[in-house]
Amino acid sequence: MKNVQKTDAEAPEKIVFHLLDRNSFEKWDQKTAYKPDDFAREGFVHLSTLAQIEGSANRYFEKHLSIWVFKLESTLLGKPLRYESAAGLADRSGRFPHYYAALPTEAIIAQAEWQRDSTGTFLLASLADFI
């Protein structure tokens, strides 16, 4: 049997997450699909699985006291969702969800502000009611 890697909408996770800073959240028109500022350069929207979200928040939002989290239903995202290796990051193993289109509002099933804890860390436990 051949080992086939999933690179399309055959998502192993039903729920995925997108992290964004407060400024990006506040300027987003919630009636329209969400496209991050770096979409034109990157070509996709960075997402995280539940297992990846804490590491992504602490790595990429280290200068923020709080961030926003979109909870996304992956079955509503369709084929632009792909699981890929993190390019150029030897310390980030695994496959990360990338979405090659603006995030449709119907796929955003919840949103929450995530605060750092007293030690300055984003902890998954503080999102327990959200997840």
N, C-alpha and C. Protein backbone atom coordinates (compact mmCIF):
# COMPACT_ATOMS: atom_id res chain seq x y z
N MET A 1 0.83 -1.18 0.00
CA MET A 1 0.00 0.00 0.00
C MET A 1 0.88 1.25 0.00
N LYS A 2 0.57 2.20 -0.87
CA LYS A 2 1.35 3.43 -0.96
C LYS A 2 1.01 4.38 0.18
N ASN A 3 2.00 5.14 0.60
CA ASN A 3 1.80 6.17 1.61
C ASN A 3 1.40 7.46 0.89
N VAL A 4 0.15 7.86 1.01
CA VAL A 4 -0.35 9.05 0.33
C VAL A 4 -0.49 10.17 1.33
N GLN A 5 0.11 11.33 1.03
CA GLN A 5 -0.01 12.49 1.91
C GLN A 5 -1.22 13.31 1.51
N LYS A 6 -1.96 13.75 2.51
CA LYS A 6 -3.13 14.58 2.25
C LYS A 6 -2.69 16.02 2.07
N THR A 7 -3.04 16.61 0.93
CA THR A 7 -2.68 18.00 0.68
C THR A 7 -3.88 18.81 0.23
N ASP A 8 -5.07 18.26 0.36
CA ASP A 8 -6.24 19.00 -0.08
C ASP A 8 -7.29 19.05 1.03
N ALA A 9 -8.54 19.11 0.68
CA ALA A 9 -9.62 19.30 1.65
C ALA A 9 -9.91 18.05 2.48
N GLU A 10 -9.12 16.98 2.34
CA GLU A 10 -9.30 15.79 3.16
C GLU A 10 -8.73 16.08 4.55
N ALA A 11 -9.25 17.08 5.20
CA ALA A 11 -8.71 17.56 6.46
C ALA A 11 -8.90 16.56 7.59
N PRO A 12 -7.82 16.26 8.31
CA PRO A 12 -7.96 15.35 9.43
C PRO A 12 -8.63 16.01 10.64
N GLU A 13 -8.77 17.31 10.63
CA GLU A 13 -9.37 18.03 11.74
C GLU A 13 -10.71 18.63 11.31
N LYS A 14 -11.74 18.44 12.11
CA LYS A 14 -13.04 19.04 11.80
C LYS A 14 -13.03 20.53 12.11
N ILE A 15 -12.29 20.90 13.15
CA ILE A 15 -12.19 22.29 13.57
C ILE A 15 -10.75 22.76 13.42
N VAL A 16 -10.56 23.93 12.82
CA VAL A 16 -9.25 24.58 12.74
C VAL A 16 -9.42 26.01 13.23
N PHE A 17 -8.30 26.69 13.46
CA PHE A 17 -8.33 28.01 14.07
C PHE A 17 -7.46 28.99 13.29
N HIS A 18 -7.89 30.25 13.31
CA HIS A 18 -7.07 31.33 12.76
C HIS A 18 -6.85 32.35 13.87
N LEU A 19 -5.61 32.81 14.00
CA LEU A 19 -5.24 33.79 15.01
C LEU A 19 -5.00 35.13 14.34
N LEU A 20 -5.45 36.21 15.00
CA LEU A 20 -5.22 37.54 14.45
C LEU A 20 -5.10 38.54 15.57
N ASP A 21 -4.36 39.62 15.29
CA ASP A 21 -4.19 40.65 16.31
C ASP A 21 -5.44 41.52 16.40
N ARG A 22 -5.52 42.30 17.46
CA ARG A 22 -6.69 43.13 17.73
C ARG A 22 -6.96 44.12 16.59
N ASN A 23 -5.93 44.74 16.07
CA ASN A 23 -6.10 45.71 14.99
C ASN A 23 -6.74 45.07 13.76
N SER A 24 -6.26 43.91 13.38
CA SER A 24 -6.83 43.21 12.23
C SER A 24 -8.29 42.83 12.48
N PHE A 25 -8.59 42.40 13.70
CA PHE A 25 -9.96 42.04 14.03
C PHE A 25 -10.88 43.26 13.97
N GLU A 26 -10.43 44.37 14.52
CA GLU A 26 -11.27 45.57 14.59
C GLU A 26 -11.52 46.20 13.22
N LYS A 27 -10.59 46.06 12.29
CA LYS A 27 -10.82 46.67 10.97
C LYS A 27 -11.56 45.74 10.00
N TRP A 28 -11.78 44.48 10.39
CA TRP A 28 -12.49 43.52 9.55
C TRP A 28 -13.98 43.83 9.54
N ASP A 29 -14.56 43.92 8.36
CA ASP A 29 -16.00 44.07 8.19
C ASP A 29 -16.61 42.68 8.30
N GLN A 30 -17.28 42.40 9.40
CA GLN A 30 -17.74 41.05 9.69
C GLN A 30 -18.83 40.54 8.75
N LYS A 31 -19.25 41.37 7.81
CA LYS A 31 -20.21 40.93 6.81
C LYS A 31 -19.52 40.38 5.57
N THR A 32 -18.20 40.48 5.54
CA THR A 32 -17.44 40.03 4.37
C THR A 32 -16.45 38.94 4.76
N ALA A 33 -15.99 38.18 3.79
CA ALA A 33 -14.97 37.16 4.03
C ALA A 33 -13.72 37.83 4.59
N TYR A 34 -13.00 37.11 5.45
CA TYR A 34 -11.81 37.67 6.08
C TYR A 34 -10.56 37.30 5.29
N LYS A 35 -9.77 38.33 5.00
CA LYS A 35 -8.49 38.12 4.31
C LYS A 35 -7.43 38.91 5.08
N PRO A 36 -6.43 38.23 5.64
CA PRO A 36 -5.39 38.94 6.41
C PRO A 36 -4.54 39.84 5.52
N ASP A 37 -3.91 40.81 6.16
CA ASP A 37 -3.07 41.77 5.42
C ASP A 37 -1.96 41.09 4.62
N ASP A 38 -1.42 39.99 5.11
CA ASP A 38 -0.31 39.33 4.41
C ASP A 38 -0.77 38.33 3.34
N PHE A 39 -2.06 38.31 3.04
CA PHE A 39 -2.58 37.34 2.06
C PHE A 39 -1.96 37.54 0.67
N ALA A 40 -1.82 38.77 0.23
CA ALA A 40 -1.26 39.04 -1.10
C ALA A 40 0.17 38.50 -1.21
N ARG A 41 0.93 38.62 -0.13
CA ARG A 41 2.32 38.15 -0.13
C ARG A 41 2.39 36.64 0.07
N GLU A 42 1.62 36.11 1.00
CA GLU A 42 1.67 34.69 1.35
C GLU A 42 0.89 33.81 0.37
N GLY A 43 -0.26 34.31 -0.07
CA GLY A 43 -1.10 33.53 -0.98
C GLY A 43 -2.07 32.59 -0.27
N PHE A 44 -2.07 32.60 1.05
CA PHE A 44 -2.97 31.76 1.82
C PHE A 44 -3.15 32.35 3.22
N VAL A 45 -4.13 31.81 3.94
CA VAL A 45 -4.39 32.19 5.32
C VAL A 45 -3.80 31.11 6.22
N HIS A 46 -2.98 31.52 7.18
CA HIS A 46 -2.39 30.58 8.13
C HIS A 46 -3.46 30.12 9.12
N LEU A 47 -3.56 28.82 9.32
CA LEU A 47 -4.48 28.24 10.29
C LEU A 47 -3.70 27.32 11.22
N SER A 48 -4.34 26.90 12.30
CA SER A 48 -3.73 25.96 13.24
C SER A 48 -4.76 24.93 13.65
N THR A 49 -4.28 23.74 13.96
CA THR A 49 -5.14 22.73 14.56
C THR A 49 -5.18 23.00 16.06
N LEU A 50 -6.01 22.28 16.77
CA LEU A 50 -6.08 22.43 18.22
C LEU A 50 -4.72 22.15 18.86
N ALA A 51 -4.01 21.15 18.36
CA ALA A 51 -2.70 20.80 18.90
C ALA A 51 -1.64 21.86 18.62
N GLN A 52 -1.86 22.70 17.62
CA GLN A 52 -0.86 23.70 17.20
C GLN A 52 -1.14 25.11 17.70
N ILE A 53 -2.36 25.39 18.13
CA ILE A 53 -2.79 26.77 18.37
C ILE A 53 -1.97 27.47 19.46
N GLU A 54 -1.68 26.79 20.54
CA GLU A 54 -0.93 27.41 21.63
C GLU A 54 0.49 27.80 21.17
N GLY A 55 1.16 26.89 20.47
CA GLY A 55 2.50 27.18 19.96
C GLY A 55 2.50 28.31 18.95
N SER A 56 1.50 28.33 18.07
CA SER A 56 1.40 29.40 17.08
C SER A 56 1.17 30.75 17.75
N ALA A 57 0.29 30.80 18.74
CA ALA A 57 0.00 32.06 19.43
C ALA A 57 1.24 32.60 20.12
N ASN A 58 1.96 31.75 20.83
CA ASN A 58 3.13 32.21 21.57
C ASN A 58 4.32 32.53 20.67
N ARG A 59 4.39 31.90 19.52
CA ARG A 59 5.49 32.16 18.60
C ARG A 59 5.27 33.44 17.77
N TYR A 60 4.08 33.60 17.21
CA TYR A 60 3.84 34.67 16.25
C TYR A 60 3.18 35.92 16.83
N PHE A 61 2.73 35.86 18.07
CA PHE A 61 2.07 37.01 18.67
C PHE A 61 2.72 37.38 20.00
N GLU A 62 4.03 37.24 20.07
CA GLU A 62 4.75 37.47 21.31
C GLU A 62 4.67 38.90 21.82
N LYS A 63 4.39 39.87 20.95
CA LYS A 63 4.32 41.28 21.36
C LYS A 63 2.90 41.73 21.70
N HIS A 64 1.96 40.82 21.66
CA HIS A 64 0.55 41.17 21.90
C HIS A 64 0.09 40.64 23.26
N LEU A 65 -0.65 41.46 24.00
CA LEU A 65 -1.21 41.04 25.28
C LEU A 65 -2.44 40.17 25.09
N SER A 66 -3.13 40.40 23.98
CA SER A 66 -4.30 39.59 23.65
C SER A 66 -4.39 39.49 22.13
N ILE A 67 -5.04 38.44 21.68
CA ILE A 67 -5.28 38.24 20.25
C ILE A 67 -6.70 37.71 20.09
N TRP A 68 -7.14 37.63 18.85
CA TRP A 68 -8.45 37.06 18.55
C TRP A 68 -8.28 35.71 17.89
N VAL A 69 -9.22 34.83 18.14
CA VAL A 69 -9.20 33.48 17.59
C VAL A 69 -10.50 33.24 16.85
N PHE A 70 -10.39 32.80 15.60
CA PHE A 70 -11.54 32.33 14.85
C PHE A 70 -11.57 30.81 14.95
N LYS A 71 -12.71 30.26 15.30
CA LYS A 71 -12.94 28.82 15.29
C LYS A 71 -13.65 28.51 13.98
N LEU A 72 -13.06 27.65 13.17
CA LEU A 72 -13.55 27.39 11.81
C LEU A 72 -13.99 25.95 11.63
N GLU A 73 -15.11 25.77 10.98
CA GLU A 73 -15.60 24.43 10.61
C GLU A 73 -14.92 24.08 9.28
N SER A 74 -14.00 23.13 9.32
CA SER A 74 -13.19 22.84 8.12
C SER A 74 -14.02 22.30 6.96
N THR A 75 -15.13 21.64 7.25
CA THR A 75 -15.95 21.11 6.15
C THR A 75 -16.61 22.23 5.36
N LEU A 76 -16.67 23.43 5.92
CA LEU A 76 -17.24 24.57 5.22
C LEU A 76 -16.20 25.35 4.42
N LEU A 77 -14.95 24.94 4.53
CA LEU A 77 -13.87 25.63 3.82
C LEU A 77 -13.64 25.06 2.42
N GLY A 78 -13.81 23.77 2.23
CA GLY A 78 -13.66 23.19 0.90
C GLY A 78 -12.23 23.01 0.45
N LYS A 79 -12.06 22.89 -0.87
CA LYS A 79 -10.76 22.52 -1.46
C LYS A 79 -9.63 23.52 -1.27
N PRO A 80 -9.88 24.80 -1.04
CA PRO A 80 -8.72 25.66 -0.80
C PRO A 80 -7.98 25.35 0.50
N LEU A 81 -8.49 24.42 1.33
CA LEU A 81 -7.82 24.03 2.57
C LEU A 81 -6.83 22.91 2.28
N ARG A 82 -5.58 23.15 2.66
CA ARG A 82 -4.52 22.17 2.44
C ARG A 82 -3.67 22.05 3.70
N TYR A 83 -3.18 20.86 3.95
CA TYR A 83 -2.26 20.63 5.06
C TYR A 83 -0.87 20.50 4.49
N GLU A 84 0.04 21.37 4.96
CA GLU A 84 1.38 21.44 4.39
C GLU A 84 2.42 21.60 5.49
N SER A 85 3.66 21.27 5.17
CA SER A 85 4.76 21.49 6.10
C SER A 85 5.02 22.97 6.23
N ALA A 86 5.52 23.36 7.38
CA ALA A 86 5.89 24.76 7.61
C ALA A 86 7.23 25.00 6.93
N ALA A 87 7.22 25.77 5.86
CA ALA A 87 8.43 26.00 5.07
C ALA A 87 9.49 26.74 5.87
N GLY A 88 10.70 26.19 5.86
CA GLY A 88 11.85 26.86 6.46
C GLY A 88 11.87 26.88 7.98
N LEU A 89 10.98 26.13 8.62
CA LEU A 89 10.95 26.13 10.08
C LEU A 89 11.25 24.73 10.61
N ALA A 90 12.52 24.46 10.82
CA ALA A 90 12.94 23.14 11.26
C ALA A 90 12.36 22.78 12.62
N ASP A 91 12.08 23.79 13.45
CA ASP A 91 11.56 23.51 14.79
C ASP A 91 10.04 23.38 14.82
N ARG A 92 9.38 23.48 13.69
CA ARG A 92 7.92 23.34 13.63
C ARG A 92 7.58 22.12 12.79
N SER A 93 7.56 20.97 13.42
CA SER A 93 7.26 19.74 12.69
C SER A 93 5.76 19.58 12.54
N GLY A 94 5.38 18.72 11.64
CA GLY A 94 3.97 18.45 11.41
C GLY A 94 3.45 19.21 10.20
N ARG A 95 2.18 19.01 9.94
CA ARG A 95 1.54 19.65 8.80
C ARG A 95 0.56 20.69 9.31
N PHE A 96 0.61 21.86 8.70
CA PHE A 96 -0.21 22.98 9.13
C PHE A 96 -1.29 23.27 8.10
N PRO A 97 -2.50 23.59 8.56
CA PRO A 97 -3.57 23.93 7.63
C PRO A 97 -3.35 25.33 7.04
N HIS A 98 -3.45 25.41 5.74
CA HIS A 98 -3.38 26.69 5.01
C HIS A 98 -4.63 26.78 4.15
N TYR A 99 -5.20 27.97 4.10
CA TYR A 99 -6.43 28.16 3.32
C TYR A 99 -6.13 29.14 2.19
N TYR A 100 -6.29 28.70 0.96
CA TYR A 100 -5.91 29.46 -0.23
C TYR A 100 -7.05 30.31 -0.78
N ALA A 101 -7.73 31.02 0.08
CA ALA A 101 -8.80 31.95 -0.28
C ALA A 101 -9.12 32.76 0.96
N ALA A 102 -9.95 33.79 0.80
CA ALA A 102 -10.43 34.54 1.97
C ALA A 102 -11.34 33.62 2.78
N LEU A 103 -11.30 33.76 4.10
CA LEU A 103 -12.13 32.91 4.97
C LEU A 103 -13.59 33.32 4.87
N PRO A 104 -14.46 32.41 4.43
CA PRO A 104 -15.88 32.75 4.32
C PRO A 104 -16.50 32.89 5.71
N THR A 105 -17.35 33.89 5.87
CA THR A 105 -17.95 34.14 7.18
C THR A 105 -18.73 32.94 7.70
N GLU A 106 -19.35 32.16 6.82
CA GLU A 106 -20.13 31.01 7.28
C GLU A 106 -19.25 29.91 7.90
N ALA A 107 -17.96 29.91 7.60
CA ALA A 107 -17.06 28.92 8.18
C ALA A 107 -16.57 29.33 9.57
N ILE A 108 -16.71 30.62 9.91
CA ILE A 108 -16.29 31.12 11.22
C ILE A 108 -17.45 30.86 12.18
N ILE A 109 -17.34 29.77 12.94
CA ILE A 109 -18.46 29.37 13.78
C ILE A 109 -18.41 30.00 15.18
N ALA A 110 -17.25 30.58 15.54
CA ALA A 110 -17.12 31.29 16.81
C ALA A 110 -15.87 32.15 16.76
N GLN A 111 -15.85 33.16 17.60
CA GLN A 111 -14.68 34.02 17.72
C GLN A 111 -14.54 34.44 19.17
N ALA A 112 -13.30 34.58 19.61
CA ALA A 112 -13.06 34.93 21.01
C ALA A 112 -11.75 35.69 21.14
N GLU A 113 -11.70 36.55 22.13
CA GLU A 113 -10.45 37.22 22.46
C GLU A 113 -9.68 36.32 23.43
N TRP A 114 -8.39 36.17 23.21
CA TRP A 114 -7.54 35.30 24.02
C TRP A 114 -6.51 36.16 24.73
N GLN A 115 -6.53 36.15 26.04
CA GLN A 115 -5.62 36.93 26.87
C GLN A 115 -4.43 36.08 27.32
N ARG A 116 -3.28 36.71 27.45
CA ARG A 116 -2.14 36.03 28.05
C ARG A 116 -2.43 35.80 29.54
N ASP A 117 -1.82 34.78 30.11
CA ASP A 117 -2.00 34.55 31.54
C ASP A 117 -1.01 35.42 32.33
N SER A 118 -0.97 35.24 33.63
CA SER A 118 -0.12 36.09 34.49
C SER A 118 1.37 35.90 34.24
N THR A 119 1.75 34.80 33.59
CA THR A 119 3.17 34.57 33.26
C THR A 119 3.53 35.10 31.88
N GLY A 120 2.53 35.66 31.18
CA GLY A 120 2.78 36.20 29.85
C GLY A 120 2.65 35.20 28.73
N THR A 121 1.94 34.11 28.98
CA THR A 121 1.82 33.02 28.02
C THR A 121 0.37 32.85 27.59
N PHE A 122 0.16 32.55 26.30
CA PHE A 122 -1.15 32.15 25.84
C PHE A 122 -1.30 30.67 26.17
N LEU A 123 -2.24 30.33 27.05
CA LEU A 123 -2.45 28.95 27.45
C LEU A 123 -3.79 28.45 26.92
N LEU A 124 -3.76 27.27 26.34
CA LEU A 124 -4.96 26.66 25.77
C LEU A 124 -6.06 26.51 26.83
N ALA A 125 -5.68 26.26 28.05
CA ALA A 125 -6.66 26.09 29.13
C ALA A 125 -7.56 27.30 29.29
N SER A 126 -7.06 28.48 28.98
CA SER A 126 -7.89 29.69 29.12
C SER A 126 -8.95 29.80 28.02
N LEU A 127 -8.86 28.94 27.00
CA LEU A 127 -9.86 28.89 25.93
C LEU A 127 -10.80 27.69 26.08
N ALA A 128 -10.77 27.03 27.23
CA ALA A 128 -11.51 25.78 27.41
C ALA A 128 -12.99 25.90 27.05
N ASP A 129 -13.65 26.97 27.43
CA ASP A 129 -15.07 27.14 27.13
C ASP A 129 -15.31 27.42 25.64
N PHE A 130 -14.32 27.96 24.98
CA PHE A 130 -14.42 28.31 23.56
C PHE A 130 -14.23 27.09 22.66
N ILE A 131 -13.31 26.24 23.05
CA ILE A 131 -12.94 25.12 22.21
C ILE A 131 -13.95 24.01 22.35
